Structure formats: C-alpha cells, structure tokens
C-alpha atoms as a PDB file:
ATOM      1  CA  MET A   1    -121.736 -53.979-129.172  1.00  0.00           C
ATOM      2  CA  ILE A   2    -124.281 -56.237-126.614  1.00  0.00           C
ATOM      3  CA  TYR A   3    -123.240 -59.212-127.180  1.00  0.00           C
ATOM      4  CA  VAL A   4    -119.601 -58.084-125.995  1.00  0.00           C
ATOM      5  CA  TRP A   5    -120.729 -56.605-122.768  1.00  0.00           C
ATOM      6  CA  THR A   6    -123.269 -59.535-121.940  1.00  0.00           C
ATOM      7  CA  LYS A   7    -120.091 -61.483-122.270  1.00  0.00           C
ATOM      8  CA  THR A   8    -118.154 -59.653-120.147  1.00  0.00           C
ATOM      9  CA  LEU A   9    -120.586 -59.257-117.211  1.00  0.00           C
ATOM     10  CA  HIS A  10    -121.017 -63.126-117.630  1.00  0.00           C
ATOM     11  CA  LEU A  11    -117.137 -63.404-117.386  1.00  0.00           C
ATOM     12  CA  LEU A  12    -117.216 -61.339-114.712  1.00  0.00           C
ATOM     13  CA  PHE A  13    -119.542 -62.640-112.579  1.00  0.00           C
ATOM     14  CA  VAL A  14    -117.765 -66.089-113.445  1.00  0.00           C
ATOM     15  CA  ILE A  15    -114.525 -65.242-111.750  1.00  0.00           C
ATOM     16  CA  ALA A  16    -116.096 -63.259-108.989  1.00  0.00           C
ATOM     17  CA  TRP A  17    -118.254 -66.780-108.239  1.00  0.00           C
ATOM     18  CA  MET A  18    -115.355 -69.248-108.822  1.00  0.00           C
ATOM     19  CA  ALA A  19    -113.848 -66.469-106.458  1.00  0.00           C
ATOM     20  CA  ALA A  20    -116.490 -67.891-103.711  1.00  0.00           C
ATOM     21  CA  VAL A  21    -116.270 -71.812-104.589  1.00  0.00           C
ATOM     22  CA  PHE A  22    -111.698 -71.629-104.231  1.00  0.00           C
ATOM     23  CA  TYR A  23    -111.698 -69.844-100.892  1.00  0.00           C
ATOM     24  CA  LEU A  24    -115.096 -71.111 -98.406  1.00  0.00           C
ATOM     25  CA  PRO A  25    -113.471 -74.586 -98.524  1.00  0.00           C
ATOM     26  CA  ARG A  26    -109.694 -72.773 -97.196  1.00  0.00           C
ATOM     27  CA  ILE A  27    -112.258 -70.900 -94.984  1.00  0.00           C
ATOM     28  CA  LEU A  28    -113.244 -74.352 -93.648  1.00  0.00           C
ATOM     29  CA  VAL A  29    -109.429 -75.303 -93.520  1.00  0.00           C
ATOM     30  CA  ASN A  30    -108.468 -72.456 -91.328  1.00  0.00           C
ATOM     31  CA  VAL A  31    -112.063 -73.400 -88.924  1.00  0.00           C
ATOM     32  CA  ALA A  32    -110.626 -76.969 -88.242  1.00  0.00           C
ATOM     33  CA  GLU A  33    -106.952 -75.289 -87.531  1.00  0.00           C
ATOM     34  CA  ALA A  34    -108.024 -72.965 -85.758  1.00  0.00           C
ATOM     35  CA  GLY A  35    -109.044 -76.020 -82.533  1.00  0.00           C
ATOM     36  CA  SER A  36    -110.884 -74.058 -79.651  1.00  0.00           C
ATOM     37  CA  GLN A  37    -110.490 -70.634 -80.295  1.00  0.00           C
ATOM     38  CA  PRO A  38    -113.776 -68.897 -80.012  1.00  0.00           C
ATOM     39  CA  ALA A  39    -112.655 -65.562 -81.128  1.00  0.00           C
ATOM     40  CA  VAL A  40    -111.222 -67.030 -84.363  1.00  0.00           C
ATOM     41  CA  ARG A  41    -113.717 -69.951 -85.126  1.00  0.00           C
ATOM     42  CA  GLU A  42    -116.609 -66.524 -84.937  1.00  0.00           C
ATOM     43  CA  ARG A  43    -114.048 -64.700 -87.505  1.00  0.00           C
ATOM     44  CA  LEU A  44    -113.797 -67.463 -89.724  1.00  0.00           C
ATOM     45  CA  PHE A  45    -117.786 -68.418 -89.835  1.00  0.00           C
ATOM     46  CA  LEU A  46    -118.533 -64.882 -90.113  1.00  0.00           C
ATOM     47  CA  MET A  47    -116.244 -64.520 -93.184  1.00  0.00           C
ATOM     48  CA  GLY A  48    -117.887 -68.299 -94.273  1.00  0.00           C
ATOM     49  CA  ARG A  49    -121.407 -66.995 -93.958  1.00  0.00           C
ATOM     50  CA  ARG A  50    -120.657 -63.264 -95.720  1.00  0.00           C
ATOM     51  CA  LEU A  51    -119.021 -65.325 -98.662  1.00  0.00           C
ATOM     52  CA  TYR A  52    -121.242 -67.390 -99.013  1.00  0.00           C
ATOM     53  CA  VAL A  53    -124.406 -64.734 -99.454  1.00  0.00           C
ATOM     54  CA  PHE A  54    -121.410 -62.775-102.066  1.00  0.00           C
ATOM     55  CA  GLY A  55    -120.733 -66.309-103.915  1.00  0.00           C
ATOM     56  CA  HIS A  56    -124.612 -67.145-104.067  1.00  0.00           C
ATOM     57  CA  VAL A  57    -125.543 -63.171-105.762  1.00  0.00           C
ATOM     58  CA  MET A  58    -122.639 -63.795-108.376  1.00  0.00           C
ATOM     59  CA  PHE A  59    -123.605 -67.619-109.168  1.00  0.00           C
ATOM     60  CA  GLY A  60    -127.095 -65.655-109.808  1.00  0.00           C
ATOM     61  CA  LEU A  61    -125.894 -62.688-111.653  1.00  0.00           C
ATOM     62  CA  MET A  62    -123.183 -64.898-113.450  1.00  0.00           C
ATOM     63  CA  LEU A  63    -126.540 -67.333-114.763  1.00  0.00           C
ATOM     64  CA  VAL A  64    -128.341 -64.378-115.840  1.00  0.00           C
ATOM     65  CA  PHE A  65    -125.843 -63.115-118.471  1.00  0.00           C
ATOM     66  CA  GLY A  66    -125.744 -66.288-119.236  1.00  0.00           C
ATOM     67  CA  LEU A  67    -128.997 -67.006-120.248  1.00  0.00           C
ATOM     68  CA  LEU A  68    -129.369 -63.363-122.093  1.00  0.00           C
ATOM     69  CA  LEU A  69    -126.059 -65.181-124.381  1.00  0.00           C
ATOM     70  CA  TRP A  70    -128.129 -68.364-125.016  1.00  0.00           C
ATOM     71  CA  LEU A  71    -131.432 -66.149-125.682  1.00  0.00           C
ATOM     72  CA  GLY A  72    -129.551 -63.659-127.677  1.00  0.00           C
ATOM     73  CA  TYR A  73    -128.522 -66.438-130.102  1.00  0.00           C
ATOM     74  CA  ARG A  74    -131.685 -67.595-130.235  1.00  0.00           C
ATOM     75  CA  LEU A  75    -133.413 -64.846-131.196  1.00  0.00           C
ATOM     76  CA  SER A  76    -131.140 -63.598-133.460  1.00  0.00           C
ATOM     77  CA  PRO A  77    -128.873 -66.210-134.378  1.00  0.00           C
ATOM     78  CA  ALA A  78    -127.152 -63.819-137.137  1.00  0.00           C
ATOM     79  CA  ALA A  79    -126.340 -60.748-134.935  1.00  0.00           C
ATOM     80  CA  TRP A  80    -124.599 -62.668-132.525  1.00  0.00           C
ATOM     81  CA  PRO A  81    -121.700 -64.981-132.987  1.00  0.00           C
ATOM     82  CA  LEU A  82    -122.235 -68.813-132.437  1.00  0.00           C
ATOM     83  CA  VAL A  83    -122.585 -69.430-128.546  1.00  0.00           C
ATOM     84  CA  VAL A  84    -124.993 -72.697-129.010  1.00  0.00           C
ATOM     85  CA  SER A  85    -123.129 -75.412-131.061  1.00  0.00           C
ATOM     86  CA  GLY A  86    -122.902 -79.448-130.106  1.00  0.00           C
ATOM     87  CA  GLY A  87    -122.689 -80.668-126.765  1.00  0.00           C
ATOM     88  CA  TRP A  88    -119.534 -78.865-125.418  1.00  0.00           C
ATOM     89  CA  LEU A  89    -122.137 -76.218-123.625  1.00  0.00           C
ATOM     90  CA  HIS A  90    -124.171 -79.210-121.854  1.00  0.00           C
ATOM     91  CA  ALA A  91    -120.773 -80.450-120.626  1.00  0.00           C
ATOM     92  CA  LYS A  92    -119.826 -77.315-119.633  1.00  0.00           C
ATOM     93  CA  LEU A  93    -122.742 -76.861-117.602  1.00  0.00           C
ATOM     94  CA  THR A  94    -122.605 -80.482-116.276  1.00  0.00           C
ATOM     95  CA  LEU A  95    -119.532 -78.993-114.878  1.00  0.00           C
ATOM     96  CA  VAL A  96    -120.588 -75.750-113.339  1.00  0.00           C
ATOM     97  CA  ALA A  97    -123.801 -77.935-111.898  1.00  0.00           C
ATOM     98  CA  GLY A  98    -120.889 -79.922-110.078  1.00  0.00           C
ATOM     99  CA  LEU A  99    -119.447 -76.362-108.937  1.00  0.00           C
ATOM    100  CA  PHE A 100    -122.357 -75.575-107.689  1.00  0.00           C
ATOM    101  CA  GLY A 101    -123.151 -78.481-105.497  1.00  0.00           C
ATOM    102  CA  TYR A 102    -119.519 -78.467-104.235  1.00  0.00           C
ATOM    103  CA  TYR A 103    -120.089 -75.313-102.826  1.00  0.00           C
ATOM    104  CA  LEU A 104    -123.084 -75.715-101.326  1.00  0.00           C
ATOM    105  CA  PHE A 105    -121.590 -79.342 -99.678  1.00  0.00           C
ATOM    106  CA  THR A 106    -119.009 -76.873 -98.410  1.00  0.00           C
ATOM    107  CA  ALA A 107    -121.105 -74.581 -96.918  1.00  0.00           C
ATOM    108  CA  ARG A 108    -123.231 -77.645 -95.245  1.00  0.00           C
ATOM    109  CA  TRP A 109    -120.021 -78.280 -93.362  1.00  0.00           C
ATOM    110  CA  MET A 110    -119.496 -74.711 -92.364  1.00  0.00           C
ATOM    111  CA  LYS A 111    -123.186 -74.533 -90.944  1.00  0.00           C
ATOM    112  CA  ARG A 112    -122.324 -77.984 -89.083  1.00  0.00           C
ATOM    113  CA  ALA A 113    -119.292 -76.924 -87.907  1.00  0.00           C
ATOM    114  CA  GLU A 114    -121.038 -73.442 -86.910  1.00  0.00           C
ATOM    115  CA  ALA A 115    -123.813 -75.481 -84.578  1.00  0.00           C
ATOM    116  CA  GLY A 116    -121.049 -77.711 -82.985  1.00  0.00           C
ATOM    117  CA  GLY A 117    -120.562 -80.652 -85.364  1.00  0.00           C
ATOM    118  CA  VAL A 118    -117.121 -82.455 -86.335  1.00  0.00           C
ATOM    119  CA  LEU A 119    -115.294 -81.563 -89.599  1.00  0.00           C
ATOM    120  CA  PRO A 120    -112.823 -83.665 -91.389  1.00  0.00           C
ATOM    121  CA  SER A 121    -108.873 -83.537 -90.644  1.00  0.00           C
ATOM    122  CA  SER A 122    -107.764 -80.405 -92.098  1.00  0.00           C
ATOM    123  CA  LYS A 123    -105.332 -82.577 -94.427  1.00  0.00           C
ATOM    124  CA  ALA A 124    -108.593 -84.244 -95.547  1.00  0.00           C
ATOM    125  CA  LEU A 125    -110.391 -80.190 -96.403  1.00  0.00           C
ATOM    126  CA  ARG A 126    -106.982 -79.472 -98.194  1.00  0.00           C
ATOM    127  CA  TRP A 127    -107.400 -82.186-100.435  1.00  0.00           C
ATOM    128  CA  PHE A 128    -111.072 -81.214-101.014  1.00  0.00           C
ATOM    129  CA  ASN A 129    -109.908 -77.679-101.263  1.00  0.00           C
ATOM    130  CA  GLU A 130    -108.179 -78.846-104.922  1.00  0.00           C
ATOM    131  CA  LEU A 131    -111.288 -80.536-106.159  1.00  0.00           C
ATOM    132  CA  PRO A 132    -113.135 -77.534-108.018  1.00  0.00           C
ATOM    133  CA  VAL A 133    -109.659 -76.506-109.918  1.00  0.00           C
ATOM    134  CA  PHE A 134    -110.388 -79.930-112.286  1.00  0.00           C
ATOM    135  CA  LEU A 135    -113.947 -78.819-112.224  1.00  0.00           C
ATOM    136  CA  ALA A 136    -113.128 -75.469-113.140  1.00  0.00           C
ATOM    137  CA  LEU A 137    -110.110 -76.743-115.984  1.00  0.00           C
ATOM    138  CA  GLY A 138    -112.749 -79.313-117.398  1.00  0.00           C
ATOM    139  CA  ALA A 139    -115.446 -76.220-118.102  1.00  0.00           C
ATOM    140  CA  ILE A 140    -112.757 -73.653-119.211  1.00  0.00           C
ATOM    141  CA  TYR A 141    -111.276 -76.291-121.824  1.00  0.00           C
ATOM    142  CA  LEU A 142    -114.947 -76.834-123.540  1.00  0.00           C
ATOM    143  CA  VAL A 143    -115.453 -72.977-123.534  1.00  0.00           C
ATOM    144  CA  ILE A 144    -112.200 -72.498-125.393  1.00  0.00           C
ATOM    145  CA  GLY A 145    -112.057 -75.899-127.185  1.00  0.00           C
ATOM    146  CA  LYS A 146    -115.740 -76.295-128.335  1.00  0.00           C
ATOM    147  CA  PRO A 147    -114.631 -80.106-129.055  1.00  0.00           C
ATOM    148  CA  PHE A 148    -117.868 -81.401-129.720  1.00  0.00           C
END
C-alpha cells in the first residue's frame, strides 16, 4: 500500500512539473508577441516568476517521491515491485536531467527578457516550445517499456 501511494504521489508531481515545463516557454512566446505593451509584459513576467517557483517545488516533490521509490526497492526488494532493473532508469534520468536543464534555460531567457534583454523571434520560441515533448515522450516510453 505504501508503494502505491508513493508511486501515485510521484506521478502527480511529475504531471504538475511537466505542466510548468510545457507552459513556461509558452509564456516566453507571449512576451515576444506582446511587443512594447508594458502592462501585458509585466503580467506575463509575474506569471512566469510564479510558474517558475511552482515548477521548482513540484520538481523537488517529484524527486523526493522518486527517491523514496528507489530506496524502498533497495531496502526491501521483496515488499516492493521491481522498480530498478537495467539501464532504462539511467536513460530516463538522463532525459529528466535534460528536461530540468531545458526548464532552467527557459527561466534564464525569462529573466533576461524581464531585464530588457532580447528574445528570439516568436516563431523560434514556438519551435523551442516543442522540444520537451520529445524528451518527455522518451522518458514515458522508457518507464512503460523498460526496453533494457
């Protein structure tokens, strides 16, 4: 029962964090398209700052429950379903690290734009916005399929 709740909470925080990963770059697109409308830009920057903090909290909780899953298996393998087996976990964690790096990079762009820096075009930002989909797809495949 503890295993199921731990995994459930881990998945909940993964979903919440991924919402932030997907939406923060979309806010950047809106900032780039807002042009010189100061009220709109300020509202978008406020949303971006709040979303960034929310995403960090969700990432931290996701990490805690992921570690609990890993430690639970390590401490009592017979009581917990097979959680760690083979290289799929390492590959998944590499993709998650890539997603976290993407998230941090997006936040730096947000901070730079808020300080008056220049952003790429909205079209380039729209393409940039699609990158985490492929990383997430790979991570989901690895978790479900455990191919190696």
